[in-house]
Amino acid sequence: MDGIRRLGPAFGIELNPAKCELIGAPSEHAATAAAFGGTCKSVDWASWTLLGTPCGDDASVSAFLQRVADNACRKTRLVASLPDKHVTYALLRYCCGFSLGVYYMRACGADKAFDRIDESTFAAFATLIPGVTELNRAQIGLPTSLGGIGLRPLSPYAPLAYIAACKQAEISFPHLLTSPSSLPADPKLSVAANSPTVISSPALSVSVTEYLRTGATSGDRMQRELSKMLDAELAKAWFLTLSTEDQARAMSCTMPTSYCWALPRPFEDEVESWMTAAQFLVLMRHRLGLLIYAEPDDGEPRRLCRLCGKVAIDARHALICLSGGLRTALHNDLRDLLYRIGSTAMLGPRREEQCFVGGMRADVVFTNARRVMAIDVAITGVDSGREYAVDASKPGAASDMYARKKFTTYGAAAAAAGVDFVPLVFDTFGALNVEGVKLLRFVARAWGYQFDIVPARSVPLINQRFSAVLNRGLAQLLIANAASG
């Protein structure tokens, strides 16, 4: 301290003892404080913190994390009480749960406090979506890219975060310590490496062991890589518990375009992307495979579809029913959105153009592409008259199947007319066919070029716009049939 006082002013550094802390054993506090002028605060070595990180003994660290959990759980409960369900979900995902604990996972490793935060997050989501049970917890905690809801738990990932943080810190030891090799082994690192999370997965265990042996490299992303491995293991375990019908649902939900609606971005020229409470509720129940329409009491006949009046109602029928005009309206909304974005992108779009040999119409034609593109917009249900196993084979399988039917209908006529035929097929979870993914990427690039927006931003923006329109329409279809009839 005397050295800083003497040399510091030449570098613009002035020491304020009143803001300094002397860390040591309580029995040494008086003597230590006297040596430094008695103006510094004395802190017990067993319970000190540095930059918000508890650095004392295990008991003080656990007590600190319990206080963190108290605040996190209170914040989560307050967020869950908000009236807007879509806003609540977004805040739960980005401002609660995993977001609140990831720093402490890296600093402290596994702790029971993280279990409390995880329970609080699950309870908050359960207040948004009535009917959610422990059976849905696996899907709720998975990332959206694996068909989940994105409310990731802390506890399974805490050992991996601690391991990555420790190995990264070792890179700086030679710059901070005169003899880093003399440091004692960290027992918590061994505990993390032998945690149930790690040893339950042979592949993950091998990766962790190798990482501990070789050490970190500057800027490596091993926490993310190890977490991805755990994600894949958890997703595989969840997938194997599902029926073939639910596997088809889950597979469709893994396509990125199937979840864009839940990541809203309002646009000046579009209706707000936020869903109403009813829309958000029915879409989440649809994605989770929960019952949407109440089952009749014993002895009562199943209620007929309110749109066509012929078929006993369930969610799958409600989404593919052609009666009532709602499905046609949704098709037209998607067609018109493609037309508007294509116009802004300077692709020369035309609607309902007779560009095929034989007089058949295309929904939208792009005249300013390298070749004239004739686009047919369609919506198909998961397992629309097929085996569920087909749709469970890969993301977008239902859309690909329907696209092949479209090629059978329009392909020869388009080739004879010298135009490129492109089906744009959405399934009822938002997954696209292969050609549809490429088409929206092409449109997004052309649209972004007009505003100097790079594809890394323009592609998700355009995908989100289509996803919002599609899923709002799907929600309206489901809600229209939810009323008693």
Foldseek 3Di string as FASTA:
>chain_A
DVVCCVPVVVVPDHDDQLPAEDEEDPVCVVVVCVVVPVNHHYDYQQFDADPLFTDHDPVNNQVSLLVLLVVQLVVLVVLLPDPFLLSSLVCLQCPGACNSCLVRLQRPFAYCSLVSRLVSSVVSVCSLAPPDDPLLSLQQQAPQLQLHVRNHGDRLLSLLSNLQSVLQVVVCCVVPDVCVVPDDDDVSNVCSLPDCSQVVDPVLNVVSVVCVVVGDDPPDDRSVVSVVVSSVVSSVVSLVVDDLLVLLLSQQSNPPLLCLLSVFDQDPPDDGSRDGSLLVNQLVCSSSVHFLADADDPPDDAAAFPFPRPHRDGLQCLLPPPGDCLQVVLQLVLLVLLVVLCVLLVQCKDAQDQQFPPRHTAGIWRPNDPFIEGEHEEEAEQPPPHDSNQSSPHHCSRQQVVVVVVCVVGVVRCVVSRGHYAYWYAYLSGTTHPSNLVVLLVSQCSNCVSVVHDSVPSSSVSSSVSSSSSSSSSSVSSVVRRDDD
